[in-house]
Protein backbone atom coordinates (compact mmCIF):
# COMPACT_ATOMS: atom_id res chain seq x y z
CA UNK A 1 70.93 45.67 -72.85
CA UNK A 2 71.60 41.97 -72.60
CA UNK A 3 72.97 42.46 -69.03
CA UNK A 4 69.84 44.35 -67.99
CA UNK A 5 67.56 41.68 -69.43
CA UNK A 6 69.55 38.99 -67.65
CA UNK A 7 69.25 40.85 -64.32
CA UNK A 8 65.50 41.28 -64.74
CA UNK A 9 65.03 37.59 -65.51
CA UNK A 10 67.09 36.56 -62.48
CA UNK A 11 65.08 38.90 -60.27
CA UNK A 12 61.79 37.50 -61.60
CA UNK A 13 62.96 33.94 -61.07
CA UNK A 14 64.14 34.77 -57.51
CA UNK A 15 60.82 36.41 -56.65
CA UNK A 16 58.90 33.47 -58.09
CA UNK A 17 61.07 31.03 -56.12
CA UNK A 18 60.52 33.06 -52.96
CA UNK A 19 56.76 33.01 -53.51
CA UNK A 20 56.82 29.26 -54.04
CA UNK A 21 58.90 28.69 -50.91
CA UNK A 22 56.72 30.95 -48.82
CA UNK A 23 53.62 29.23 -50.12
CA UNK A 24 54.91 25.77 -49.32
CA UNK A 25 56.49 26.37 -45.88
CA UNK A 26 54.61 26.23 -42.57
CA UNK A 27 55.63 26.18 -38.90
CA UNK A 28 54.23 23.94 -36.17
CA UNK A 29 54.37 25.37 -32.64
CA UNK A 30 53.99 23.61 -29.28
CA UNK A 31 50.43 22.43 -28.49
CA UNK A 32 49.55 22.70 -32.15
CA UNK A 33 48.69 20.38 -35.02
CA UNK A 34 48.62 21.35 -38.70
CA UNK A 35 46.17 19.60 -41.02
CA UNK A 36 47.35 19.48 -44.65
CA UNK A 37 44.50 19.18 -47.13
CA UNK A 38 44.76 18.57 -50.86
CA UNK A 39 41.71 19.29 -53.00
CA UNK A 40 39.56 19.44 -49.86
CA UNK A 41 40.69 16.09 -48.45
CA UNK A 42 43.00 15.52 -45.48
CA UNK A 43 46.42 14.52 -46.73
CA UNK A 44 48.29 14.38 -43.46
CA UNK A 45 48.56 15.86 -39.97
CA UNK A 46 51.80 17.32 -38.68
CA UNK A 47 52.35 17.59 -34.91
CA UNK A 48 56.17 17.79 -34.73
CA UNK A 49 57.25 21.33 -33.88
CA UNK A 50 59.42 23.20 -36.35
CA UNK A 51 59.46 24.25 -40.01
CA UNK A 52 57.82 21.98 -42.62
CA UNK A 53 57.00 22.05 -46.35
CA UNK A 54 54.02 21.00 -48.42
CA UNK A 55 53.21 21.11 -52.11
CA UNK A 56 52.61 24.72 -53.14
CA UNK A 57 49.32 25.90 -54.58
CA UNK A 58 47.61 22.50 -54.26
CA UNK A 59 48.05 21.91 -50.50
CA UNK A 60 46.48 24.01 -47.77
CA UNK A 61 47.18 24.03 -44.03
CA UNK A 62 44.72 24.39 -41.16
CA UNK A 63 46.13 25.12 -37.71
CA UNK A 64 44.53 23.41 -34.71
CA UNK A 65 45.37 24.25 -31.11
CA UNK A 66 45.64 21.04 -29.09
CA UNK A 67 46.15 22.60 -25.65
CA UNK A 68 43.46 23.14 -23.00
CA UNK A 69 40.51 25.48 -23.42
CA UNK A 70 38.55 26.83 -20.43
CA UNK A 71 34.84 27.29 -21.04
CA UNK A 72 32.27 28.61 -18.57
CA UNK A 73 28.75 27.30 -19.15
CA UNK A 74 25.78 29.55 -18.27
CA UNK A 75 23.74 28.59 -15.19
CA UNK A 76 20.74 26.31 -15.66
CA UNK A 77 17.83 25.00 -13.60
CA UNK A 78 17.76 21.27 -12.87
CA UNK A 79 15.25 19.08 -11.02
CA UNK A 80 16.26 16.29 -8.61
CA UNK A 81 14.55 12.90 -8.44
CA UNK A 82 12.61 14.05 -5.36
CA UNK A 83 11.31 17.03 -7.37
CA UNK A 84 13.53 19.67 -5.79
CA UNK A 85 14.69 22.55 -7.95
CA UNK A 86 18.40 23.47 -7.99
CA UNK A 87 20.59 25.87 -9.95
CA UNK A 88 23.77 24.45 -11.52
CA UNK A 89 26.69 26.55 -12.72
CA UNK A 90 29.30 24.46 -14.60
CA UNK A 91 32.70 25.09 -16.05
CA UNK A 92 34.86 22.74 -18.08
CA UNK A 93 38.30 22.24 -19.58
CA UNK A 94 38.43 20.66 -23.02
CA UNK A 95 40.95 20.00 -25.77
CA UNK A 96 41.26 18.48 -29.24
CA UNK A 97 42.48 14.89 -29.15
CA UNK A 98 41.77 13.94 -32.80
CA UNK A 99 42.51 16.83 -35.19
CA UNK A 100 41.17 14.95 -38.24
CA UNK A 101 37.74 14.28 -36.66
CA UNK A 102 37.72 17.82 -35.33
CA UNK A 103 38.33 19.18 -38.83
CA UNK A 104 35.93 16.84 -40.60
CA UNK A 105 32.98 17.28 -38.23
CA UNK A 106 33.36 20.84 -36.98
CA UNK A 107 35.64 22.42 -39.55
CA UNK A 108 38.19 23.00 -36.78
CA UNK A 109 36.10 25.93 -35.52
CA UNK A 110 36.26 26.47 -31.76
CA UNK A 111 32.83 28.09 -31.50
CA UNK A 112 31.11 25.06 -33.08
CA UNK A 113 32.96 22.73 -30.74
CA UNK A 114 31.90 24.67 -27.65
CA UNK A 115 28.26 24.63 -28.77
CA UNK A 116 28.36 20.82 -28.86
CA UNK A 117 30.29 20.62 -25.60
CA UNK A 118 27.90 22.96 -23.80
CA UNK A 119 24.92 20.86 -24.86
CA UNK A 120 26.65 17.62 -23.81
CA UNK A 121 27.61 18.93 -20.36
CA UNK A 122 24.17 20.43 -19.76
CA UNK A 123 22.46 17.16 -20.69
CA UNK A 124 24.86 15.14 -18.53
CA UNK A 125 24.32 17.46 -15.54
CA UNK A 126 20.54 17.35 -15.94
CA UNK A 127 20.43 13.55 -16.35
CA UNK A 128 22.66 12.84 -13.34
CA UNK A 129 20.95 15.29 -10.99
CA UNK A 130 17.49 14.12 -12.06
CA UNK A 131 18.46 10.56 -11.09
CA UNK A 132 19.51 11.53 -7.53
CA UNK A 133 17.78 13.00 -4.51
CA UNK A 134 18.76 16.41 -3.24
CA UNK A 135 20.45 14.93 -0.16
CA UNK A 136 22.41 12.47 -2.32
CA UNK A 137 23.55 15.29 -4.61
CA UNK A 138 24.75 17.38 -1.68
CA UNK A 139 26.62 14.37 -0.30
CA UNK A 140 28.21 13.64 -3.70
CA UNK A 141 29.41 17.18 -4.35
CA UNK A 142 33.06 17.29 -5.25
CA UNK A 143 35.06 14.66 -7.08
CA UNK A 144 32.24 12.09 -7.17
CA UNK A 145 29.76 14.33 -8.98
CA UNK A 146 32.50 15.81 -11.19
CA UNK A 147 33.64 12.39 -12.38
CA UNK A 148 30.09 11.36 -13.19
CA UNK A 149 29.36 14.47 -15.27
CA UNK A 150 32.73 14.35 -17.04
CA UNK A 151 32.34 10.70 -18.02
CA UNK A 152 28.82 11.08 -19.37
CA UNK A 153 29.70 14.28 -21.28
CA UNK A 154 32.62 12.63 -23.05
CA UNK A 155 30.42 9.80 -24.25
CA UNK A 156 28.39 12.37 -26.25
CA UNK A 157 31.21 14.37 -27.86
CA UNK A 158 33.83 11.73 -28.70
CA UNK A 159 32.59 11.77 -32.32
CA UNK A 160 33.87 15.34 -32.75
CA UNK A 161 37.51 14.62 -31.93
CA UNK A 162 37.44 16.57 -28.66
CA UNK A 163 37.71 15.45 -25.06
CA UNK A 164 36.59 17.04 -21.80
CA UNK A 165 39.33 16.89 -19.20
CA UNK A 166 37.05 18.03 -16.40
CA UNK A 167 33.43 19.16 -16.19
CA UNK A 168 32.71 20.44 -12.73
CA UNK A 169 29.84 22.19 -11.00
CA UNK A 170 31.43 25.28 -9.49
CA UNK A 171 28.15 26.33 -7.86
CA UNK A 172 25.12 24.20 -7.04
CA UNK A 173 22.63 26.39 -5.27
CA UNK A 174 19.01 26.41 -4.26
CA UNK A 175 16.35 28.77 -5.52
CA UNK A 176 15.71 31.62 -3.12
CA UNK A 177 12.18 30.42 -2.32
CA UNK A 178 13.27 27.15 -0.65
CA UNK A 179 16.76 27.95 0.64
CA UNK A 180 15.57 28.62 4.18
CA UNK A 181 13.69 25.32 4.53
CA UNK A 182 16.64 23.32 3.25
CA UNK A 183 19.08 25.13 5.52
CA UNK A 184 16.84 24.48 8.53
CA UNK A 185 16.70 20.77 7.68
CA UNK A 186 20.46 20.62 7.24
CA UNK A 187 20.98 22.35 10.61
CA UNK A 188 18.60 19.89 12.27
CA UNK A 189 20.43 16.93 10.76
CA UNK A 190 23.80 18.28 11.89
CA UNK A 191 22.41 18.84 15.40
CA UNK A 192 21.20 15.24 15.49
CA UNK A 193 24.64 14.03 14.43
CA UNK A 194 26.26 16.23 17.09
CA UNK A 195 23.86 14.87 19.74
CA UNK A 196 24.80 11.33 18.73
CA UNK A 197 28.50 12.11 19.09
CA UNK A 198 27.84 13.74 22.48
CA UNK A 199 25.88 10.74 23.74
CA UNK A 200 28.58 8.36 22.57
CA UNK A 201 31.23 10.49 24.26
CA UNK A 202 29.30 10.55 27.53
CA UNK A 203 28.84 6.78 27.37
CA UNK A 204 32.55 6.27 26.80
CA UNK A 205 33.34 8.69 29.64
CA UNK A 206 31.08 6.77 32.06
CA UNK A 207 32.71 3.52 31.04
CA UNK A 208 36.17 4.96 31.62
CA UNK A 209 35.16 6.37 35.01
CA UNK A 210 33.61 3.05 36.07
CA UNK A 211 36.72 1.15 35.02
CA UNK A 212 38.90 3.64 36.88
CA UNK A 213 36.75 3.43 40.05
CA UNK A 214 36.90 -0.35 39.91
CA UNK A 215 40.67 -0.29 39.56
CA UNK A 216 40.94 2.15 42.49
CA UNK A 217 38.71 -0.10 44.63
CA UNK A 218 40.86 -3.13 43.81
CA UNK A 219 44.06 -1.22 44.59
CA UNK A 220 42.66 0.08 47.91
CA UNK A 221 41.39 -3.37 48.89
CA UNK A 222 44.77 -4.90 48.16
CA UNK A 223 46.48 -2.13 50.11
CA UNK A 224 44.18 -2.59 53.09
CA UNK A 225 44.71 -6.33 52.96
CA UNK A 226 48.48 -5.86 52.87
CA UNK A 227 48.28 -3.31 55.69
CA UNK A 228 46.23 -5.69 57.84
CA UNK A 229 48.72 -8.44 57.12
CA UNK A 230 51.66 -6.23 58.09
CA UNK A 231 49.82 -5.05 61.21
CA UNK A 232 49.10 -8.63 62.27
CA UNK A 233 52.71 -9.58 61.67
CA UNK A 234 53.78 -6.56 63.74
CA UNK A 235 51.45 -7.51 66.58
CA UNK A 236 52.75 -11.06 66.49
CA UNK A 237 56.34 -9.82 66.56
CA UNK A 238 55.46 -7.47 69.42
CA UNK A 239 53.93 -10.29 71.44
CA UNK A 240 56.93 -12.48 70.69
CA UNK A 241 59.33 -9.80 71.88
CA UNK A 242 57.20 -9.13 74.95
CA UNK A 243 56.99 -12.79 75.79
CA UNK A 244 60.75 -13.12 75.45
CA UNK A 245 61.27 -10.08 77.69
CA UNK A 246 59.10 -11.47 80.51
CA UNK A 247 59.86 -15.15 80.29
CA UNK A 248 60.69 -15.60 84.05
CA UNK A 249 58.59 -15.19 87.21
CA UNK A 250 60.21 -11.97 88.50
CA UNK A 251 59.85 -10.16 85.19
CA UNK A 252 56.31 -11.44 84.83
CA UNK A 253 55.37 -10.08 88.31
CA UNK A 254 56.92 -6.72 87.47
CA UNK A 255 55.07 -6.61 84.17
CA UNK A 256 51.78 -7.46 85.88
CA UNK A 257 52.47 -4.72 88.41
CA UNK A 258 52.99 -2.13 85.68
CA UNK A 259 49.89 -3.29 83.87
CA UNK A 260 47.95 -2.95 87.10
CA UNK A 261 49.14 0.61 87.52
CA UNK A 262 47.99 1.39 83.98
CA UNK A 263 44.64 -0.19 84.67
CA UNK A 264 44.36 1.74 87.93
CA UNK A 265 45.06 5.02 86.19
CA UNK A 266 42.41 4.35 83.58
CA UNK A 267 39.86 3.28 86.19
CA UNK A 268 40.22 6.39 88.36
CA UNK A 269 39.37 8.70 85.46
CA UNK A 270 41.34 11.54 87.08
CA UNK A 271 40.01 10.86 90.67
CA UNK A 272 42.40 10.60 93.60
CA UNK A 273 40.70 7.65 95.32
CA UNK A 274 39.64 4.22 94.12
CA UNK A 275 37.73 1.70 96.22
CA UNK A 276 38.55 -1.95 95.46
CA UNK A 277 37.48 -5.25 96.90
CA UNK A 278 40.34 -6.72 98.93
CA UNK A 279 39.83 -10.01 97.18
CA UNK A 280 40.25 -8.47 93.74
CA UNK A 281 43.29 -9.37 91.71
CA UNK A 282 44.25 -5.72 91.35
CA UNK A 283 44.20 -5.13 95.10
CA UNK A 284 46.34 -8.20 95.76
CA UNK A 285 48.88 -7.09 93.14
CA UNK A 286 49.07 -3.55 94.48
CA UNK A 287 49.49 -4.67 98.09
CA UNK A 288 51.74 -7.54 97.21
CA UNK A 289 49.42 -10.14 98.73
CA UNK A 290 48.81 -13.62 97.44
CA UNK A 291 45.69 -15.71 97.34
CA UNK A 292 46.51 -17.09 100.79
CA UNK A 293 47.51 -13.75 102.24
CA UNK A 294 44.18 -11.97 101.89
CA UNK A 295 42.73 -11.20 105.33
CA UNK A 296 39.04 -11.03 105.85
CA UNK A 297 36.49 -9.35 103.69
CA UNK A 298 35.80 -5.76 102.98
CA UNK A 299 37.05 -3.05 100.77
CA UNK A 300 40.48 -1.52 100.19
CA UNK A 301 40.88 2.18 99.65
CA UNK A 302 43.66 2.91 97.26
CA UNK A 303 45.01 6.34 96.56
CA UNK A 304 47.03 6.30 93.32
CA UNK A 305 49.44 8.89 94.65
CA UNK A 306 50.32 6.56 97.53
CA UNK A 307 51.58 4.03 94.96
CA UNK A 308 53.69 6.34 92.86
CA UNK A 309 50.90 7.31 90.45
């Protein structure tokens, strides 16, 4: 009987010890913080992953996820500064950056946090869009508008221990009743921009063509000048060679005779007979007469064939 009692006592003690250990142990996982409270007050926050212990029965743990949450905000109507209506559809990514504030203000309840975040993002979106014209909003779409909304939203929710990583408008549309007018204006503006680019391109093209034509004119003028120079030098060289070839009286007479025959051929124009004055230089050369050898006056009939032509 004593052995049975001892076994029962040991079993009771073991069970009690197990209950105490189980009640005092907790595990912290990645992207998680555990808030330990004692009598309703925060005692400490554990963020190191692994197994930890706290005082049993008097300490309680609250688990807080510190990773990113994705939250899609319902669409809402907003008015621009030039009184144009637009429809904004936002989404955001948020996380807990101060678990103690998050626990103290919102009880570490995700639904309460998202209510505050939704209101902050909606107000930020409305305030920013209402301070800008519709054209300015369209031009700022993207990172500029996202940064503005994110910054203003965070200024409203920092007291809750949460932070918005990004608050972005995934769709910013126009009401159906004024879409067509806005699209027509946008098309007109783009056409004006395109016309400006076209005019600038045509102006640049004319400038390039004028510069090219000027360069071609300069090149042609220089070429013609060089050609004229070379031609004059060639003529001068020709005359020098010719002068050297006929630098005595006999050669000069023969050269004059040949030139006379050429002149005679050009003067006949294909005719067989040419009438010349006997006193003409051509007649004297052809007949081998000198100034003193010309006899009387009258005309000389010359047949080119009679002179070898």
